[in-house]
Amino acid sequence: MFTRKAMNARSFPDLLGPLALLVLVGGWVLAIVAFFVVGTETCSTVTVPVVGVVEACQDTTPSAVILLTVIGFGATVGSLFLWALRHMLLALNQIEENTRSGR
């Protein structure tokens, strides 16, 4: 994909596009994994003196939905920042080229 060469200002924006895509996809994959890991129902049996044995369950799905939203939103915003940085650097390179050529 990329050859080993000296990194300069013109070659750096070429790396930001794939990096932004990696951050977006990787962040959402991690968000979905966290949703399934955290969003479970845990049950345990508890002995209550008057009633006897009771099964008490705790559902953590609301926490998992919030975690999914926060991680996914962070991945989306992070990839948008990288994408915007890529376009800003490309615009600065074009400005530099136009200034040097006298256009």
N, C-alpha and C. Protein backbone atom coordinates (compact mmCIF):
# COMPACT_ATOMS: atom_id res chain seq x y z
N MET A 1 0.82 -1.19 0.00
CA MET A 1 0.00 0.00 0.00
C MET A 1 0.87 1.25 0.00
N PHE A 2 1.74 1.38 0.97
CA PHE A 2 2.65 2.51 1.02
C PHE A 2 4.08 1.98 1.01
N THR A 3 4.92 2.63 0.26
CA THR A 3 6.32 2.24 0.24
C THR A 3 7.07 3.01 1.31
N ARG A 4 8.19 2.46 1.69
CA ARG A 4 9.00 3.13 2.71
C ARG A 4 9.76 4.26 2.05
N LYS A 5 9.41 5.46 2.40
CA LYS A 5 10.07 6.66 1.87
C LYS A 5 10.01 7.75 2.93
N ALA A 6 10.64 8.82 2.63
CA ALA A 6 10.65 9.93 3.58
C ALA A 6 9.25 10.55 3.67
N MET A 7 8.81 10.81 4.89
CA MET A 7 7.50 11.40 5.11
C MET A 7 7.63 12.92 4.98
N ASN A 8 6.79 13.50 4.15
CA ASN A 8 6.78 14.96 4.03
C ASN A 8 5.35 15.45 4.16
N ALA A 9 5.16 16.75 4.01
CA ALA A 9 3.84 17.34 4.20
C ALA A 9 2.85 16.88 3.14
N ARG A 10 3.32 16.52 1.97
CA ARG A 10 2.40 16.09 0.92
C ARG A 10 1.98 14.62 1.08
N SER A 11 2.79 13.81 1.69
CA SER A 11 2.43 12.40 1.83
C SER A 11 1.65 12.11 3.11
N PHE A 12 1.69 13.00 4.07
CA PHE A 12 0.99 12.78 5.34
C PHE A 12 -0.53 12.72 5.18
N PRO A 13 -1.17 13.59 4.40
CA PRO A 13 -2.64 13.49 4.24
C PRO A 13 -3.10 12.17 3.62
N ASP A 14 -2.24 11.51 2.85
CA ASP A 14 -2.61 10.23 2.26
C ASP A 14 -2.82 9.16 3.33
N LEU A 15 -2.17 9.30 4.47
CA LEU A 15 -2.32 8.33 5.56
C LEU A 15 -3.56 8.61 6.42
N LEU A 16 -4.05 9.85 6.39
CA LEU A 16 -5.16 10.21 7.27
C LEU A 16 -6.49 9.64 6.82
N GLY A 17 -6.68 9.44 5.51
CA GLY A 17 -7.94 8.85 5.03
C GLY A 17 -8.15 7.44 5.54
N PRO A 18 -7.19 6.53 5.31
CA PRO A 18 -7.36 5.18 5.86
C PRO A 18 -7.40 5.15 7.39
N LEU A 19 -6.66 6.05 8.03
CA LEU A 19 -6.68 6.10 9.49
C LEU A 19 -8.06 6.51 10.00
N ALA A 20 -8.68 7.49 9.33
CA ALA A 20 -10.04 7.91 9.73
C ALA A 20 -11.04 6.77 9.56
N LEU A 21 -10.92 6.04 8.47
CA LEU A 21 -11.81 4.90 8.25
C LEU A 21 -11.58 3.81 9.30
N LEU A 22 -10.33 3.58 9.64
CA LEU A 22 -10.01 2.58 10.67
C LEU A 22 -10.57 2.99 12.03
N VAL A 23 -10.46 4.26 12.37
CA VAL A 23 -11.00 4.75 13.65
C VAL A 23 -12.52 4.61 13.67
N LEU A 24 -13.17 4.93 12.56
CA LEU A 24 -14.63 4.83 12.51
C LEU A 24 -15.11 3.38 12.65
N VAL A 25 -14.56 2.51 11.83
CA VAL A 25 -15.00 1.10 11.85
C VAL A 25 -14.57 0.42 13.15
N GLY A 26 -13.32 0.63 13.56
CA GLY A 26 -12.84 0.02 14.80
C GLY A 26 -13.59 0.49 16.02
N GLY A 27 -13.93 1.77 16.07
CA GLY A 27 -14.67 2.30 17.21
C GLY A 27 -16.07 1.71 17.31
N TRP A 28 -16.74 1.58 16.17
CA TRP A 28 -18.09 1.00 16.20
C TRP A 28 -18.05 -0.49 16.52
N VAL A 29 -17.02 -1.18 16.04
CA VAL A 29 -16.89 -2.60 16.39
C VAL A 29 -16.68 -2.75 17.90
N LEU A 30 -15.82 -1.92 18.46
CA LEU A 30 -15.61 -1.96 19.91
C LEU A 30 -16.87 -1.58 20.68
N ALA A 31 -17.64 -0.64 20.14
CA ALA A 31 -18.89 -0.25 20.80
C ALA A 31 -19.89 -1.40 20.81
N ILE A 32 -19.97 -2.13 19.71
CA ILE A 32 -20.90 -3.26 19.64
C ILE A 32 -20.44 -4.39 20.56
N VAL A 33 -19.14 -4.63 20.61
CA VAL A 33 -18.61 -5.66 21.53
C VAL A 33 -18.91 -5.26 22.97
N ALA A 34 -18.70 -3.99 23.31
CA ALA A 34 -18.99 -3.54 24.68
C ALA A 34 -20.47 -3.67 25.00
N PHE A 35 -21.33 -3.43 24.01
CA PHE A 35 -22.76 -3.57 24.22
C PHE A 35 -23.12 -5.01 24.61
N PHE A 36 -22.55 -5.97 23.90
CA PHE A 36 -22.87 -7.36 24.21
C PHE A 36 -22.21 -7.84 25.50
N VAL A 37 -21.05 -7.30 25.82
CA VAL A 37 -20.37 -7.72 27.04
C VAL A 37 -21.07 -7.14 28.27
N VAL A 38 -21.43 -5.87 28.20
CA VAL A 38 -22.04 -5.21 29.36
C VAL A 38 -23.54 -5.51 29.45
N GLY A 39 -24.21 -5.59 28.32
CA GLY A 39 -25.67 -5.73 28.31
C GLY A 39 -26.15 -7.14 28.56
N THR A 40 -25.95 -7.61 29.74
CA THR A 40 -26.40 -8.95 30.10
C THR A 40 -27.32 -8.87 31.32
N GLU A 41 -27.99 -9.95 31.53
CA GLU A 41 -28.84 -10.05 32.72
C GLU A 41 -28.19 -11.05 33.67
N THR A 42 -27.89 -10.60 34.86
CA THR A 42 -27.28 -11.48 35.84
C THR A 42 -28.31 -11.83 36.90
N CYS A 43 -28.38 -13.09 37.23
CA CYS A 43 -29.34 -13.56 38.24
C CYS A 43 -28.60 -14.31 39.34
N SER A 44 -29.10 -14.17 40.52
CA SER A 44 -28.55 -14.91 41.65
C SER A 44 -29.70 -15.29 42.58
N THR A 45 -29.50 -16.36 43.29
CA THR A 45 -30.53 -16.79 44.25
C THR A 45 -30.19 -16.25 45.63
N VAL A 46 -31.21 -15.71 46.25
CA VAL A 46 -31.05 -15.08 47.56
C VAL A 46 -32.04 -15.74 48.52
N THR A 47 -31.59 -16.02 49.70
CA THR A 47 -32.48 -16.59 50.72
C THR A 47 -33.02 -15.47 51.59
N VAL A 48 -34.33 -15.28 51.53
CA VAL A 48 -35.00 -14.27 52.34
C VAL A 48 -35.68 -15.01 53.50
N PRO A 49 -35.49 -14.54 54.73
CA PRO A 49 -36.00 -15.30 55.88
C PRO A 49 -37.51 -15.57 55.85
N VAL A 50 -38.32 -14.64 55.48
CA VAL A 50 -39.76 -14.82 55.53
C VAL A 50 -40.27 -15.58 54.31
N VAL A 51 -39.74 -15.27 53.14
CA VAL A 51 -40.24 -15.82 51.88
C VAL A 51 -39.56 -17.12 51.51
N GLY A 52 -38.29 -17.22 51.73
CA GLY A 52 -37.54 -18.39 51.32
C GLY A 52 -36.53 -18.02 50.25
N VAL A 53 -36.32 -18.91 49.28
CA VAL A 53 -35.35 -18.67 48.21
C VAL A 53 -36.00 -17.85 47.10
N VAL A 54 -35.35 -16.75 46.75
CA VAL A 54 -35.85 -15.86 45.69
C VAL A 54 -34.74 -15.67 44.68
N GLU A 55 -35.11 -15.67 43.41
CA GLU A 55 -34.13 -15.40 42.37
C GLU A 55 -34.18 -13.91 42.02
N ALA A 56 -33.07 -13.20 42.28
CA ALA A 56 -32.99 -11.77 42.02
C ALA A 56 -32.17 -11.54 40.75
N CYS A 57 -32.74 -10.80 39.79
CA CYS A 57 -32.07 -10.55 38.52
C CYS A 57 -31.83 -9.05 38.35
N GLN A 58 -30.70 -8.73 37.74
CA GLN A 58 -30.34 -7.34 37.46
C GLN A 58 -30.04 -7.22 35.97
N ASP A 59 -30.72 -6.31 35.31
CA ASP A 59 -30.54 -6.11 33.87
C ASP A 59 -29.66 -4.89 33.65
N THR A 60 -28.59 -5.06 32.89
CA THR A 60 -27.66 -3.95 32.64
C THR A 60 -27.78 -3.43 31.21
N THR A 61 -28.88 -3.71 30.53
CA THR A 61 -29.05 -3.26 29.14
C THR A 61 -29.06 -1.74 29.01
N PRO A 62 -29.71 -0.96 29.90
CA PRO A 62 -29.64 0.50 29.74
C PRO A 62 -28.21 1.04 29.78
N SER A 63 -27.38 0.50 30.65
CA SER A 63 -25.97 0.93 30.70
C SER A 63 -25.26 0.57 29.40
N ALA A 64 -25.59 -0.59 28.84
CA ALA A 64 -24.96 -1.02 27.60
C ALA A 64 -25.35 -0.12 26.43
N VAL A 65 -26.60 0.33 26.41
CA VAL A 65 -27.05 1.22 25.33
C VAL A 65 -26.33 2.56 25.44
N ILE A 66 -26.18 3.07 26.64
CA ILE A 66 -25.46 4.34 26.83
C ILE A 66 -24.00 4.18 26.42
N LEU A 67 -23.39 3.07 26.80
CA LEU A 67 -22.00 2.81 26.44
C LEU A 67 -21.84 2.69 24.93
N LEU A 68 -22.76 2.00 24.27
CA LEU A 68 -22.74 1.89 22.81
C LEU A 68 -22.82 3.26 22.15
N THR A 69 -23.70 4.10 22.64
CA THR A 69 -23.88 5.43 22.06
C THR A 69 -22.64 6.30 22.27
N VAL A 70 -22.08 6.27 23.46
CA VAL A 70 -20.92 7.12 23.76
C VAL A 70 -19.69 6.69 22.96
N ILE A 71 -19.40 5.39 22.93
CA ILE A 71 -18.23 4.91 22.19
C ILE A 71 -18.41 5.13 20.69
N GLY A 72 -19.61 4.84 20.17
CA GLY A 72 -19.87 5.06 18.74
C GLY A 72 -19.78 6.52 18.36
N PHE A 73 -20.32 7.41 19.19
CA PHE A 73 -20.25 8.84 18.92
C PHE A 73 -18.79 9.32 18.97
N GLY A 74 -18.02 8.82 19.93
CA GLY A 74 -16.60 9.20 20.00
C GLY A 74 -15.83 8.74 18.78
N ALA A 75 -16.13 7.54 18.29
CA ALA A 75 -15.46 7.04 17.08
C ALA A 75 -15.84 7.88 15.86
N THR A 76 -17.11 8.26 15.77
CA THR A 76 -17.56 9.06 14.64
C THR A 76 -16.93 10.44 14.65
N VAL A 77 -16.93 11.09 15.80
CA VAL A 77 -16.33 12.43 15.90
C VAL A 77 -14.82 12.37 15.65
N GLY A 78 -14.15 11.35 16.19
CA GLY A 78 -12.71 11.22 15.97
C GLY A 78 -12.38 11.02 14.50
N SER A 79 -13.16 10.20 13.80
CA SER A 79 -12.89 9.99 12.38
C SER A 79 -13.20 11.24 11.56
N LEU A 80 -14.22 11.99 11.96
CA LEU A 80 -14.52 13.24 11.25
C LEU A 80 -13.40 14.26 11.45
N PHE A 81 -12.81 14.32 12.64
CA PHE A 81 -11.68 15.22 12.86
C PHE A 81 -10.49 14.83 11.98
N LEU A 82 -10.20 13.55 11.88
CA LEU A 82 -9.10 13.10 11.02
C LEU A 82 -9.38 13.40 9.55
N TRP A 83 -10.62 13.20 9.13
CA TRP A 83 -11.01 13.49 7.75
C TRP A 83 -10.89 14.98 7.46
N ALA A 84 -11.32 15.82 8.41
CA ALA A 84 -11.21 17.27 8.24
C ALA A 84 -9.74 17.71 8.22
N LEU A 85 -8.92 17.11 9.06
CA LEU A 85 -7.49 17.43 9.07
C LEU A 85 -6.85 17.07 7.73
N ARG A 86 -7.26 15.94 7.17
CA ARG A 86 -6.74 15.53 5.86
C ARG A 86 -7.06 16.59 4.80
N HIS A 87 -8.31 17.05 4.78
CA HIS A 87 -8.71 18.03 3.78
C HIS A 87 -8.07 19.40 4.02
N MET A 88 -7.86 19.75 5.27
CA MET A 88 -7.16 21.01 5.56
C MET A 88 -5.71 20.95 5.08
N LEU A 89 -5.04 19.83 5.32
CA LEU A 89 -3.66 19.70 4.85
C LEU A 89 -3.57 19.70 3.34
N LEU A 90 -4.52 19.05 2.66
CA LEU A 90 -4.54 19.08 1.20
C LEU A 90 -4.77 20.50 0.68
N ALA A 91 -5.66 21.24 1.34
CA ALA A 91 -5.90 22.62 0.93
C ALA A 91 -4.66 23.49 1.15
N LEU A 92 -3.96 23.29 2.26
CA LEU A 92 -2.74 24.05 2.50
C LEU A 92 -1.66 23.71 1.49
N ASN A 93 -1.58 22.44 1.09
CA ASN A 93 -0.62 22.06 0.04
C ASN A 93 -0.94 22.73 -1.28
N GLN A 94 -2.22 22.81 -1.63
CA GLN A 94 -2.60 23.47 -2.88
C GLN A 94 -2.32 24.96 -2.82
N ILE A 95 -2.55 25.58 -1.65
CA ILE A 95 -2.24 27.00 -1.49
C ILE A 95 -0.75 27.23 -1.66
N GLU A 96 0.06 26.35 -1.06
CA GLU A 96 1.52 26.48 -1.19
C GLU A 96 1.95 26.33 -2.66
N GLU A 97 1.39 25.35 -3.35
CA GLU A 97 1.75 25.15 -4.77
C GLU A 97 1.35 26.35 -5.61
N ASN A 98 0.17 26.89 -5.38
CA ASN A 98 -0.27 28.06 -6.14
C ASN A 98 0.58 29.29 -5.83
N THR A 99 1.01 29.42 -4.57
CA THR A 99 1.83 30.57 -4.19
C THR A 99 3.22 30.47 -4.83
N ARG A 100 3.78 29.28 -4.84
CA ARG A 100 5.11 29.10 -5.44
C ARG A 100 5.08 29.28 -6.94
N SER A 101 3.99 28.86 -7.59
CA SER A 101 3.94 28.97 -9.05
C SER A 101 3.50 30.37 -9.50
N GLY A 102 3.04 31.19 -8.59
CA GLY A 102 2.69 32.57 -8.92
C GLY A 102 1.29 32.71 -9.51
N ARG A 103 0.44 31.72 -9.31
CA ARG A 103 -0.93 31.82 -9.83
C ARG A 103 -1.81 32.66 -8.97
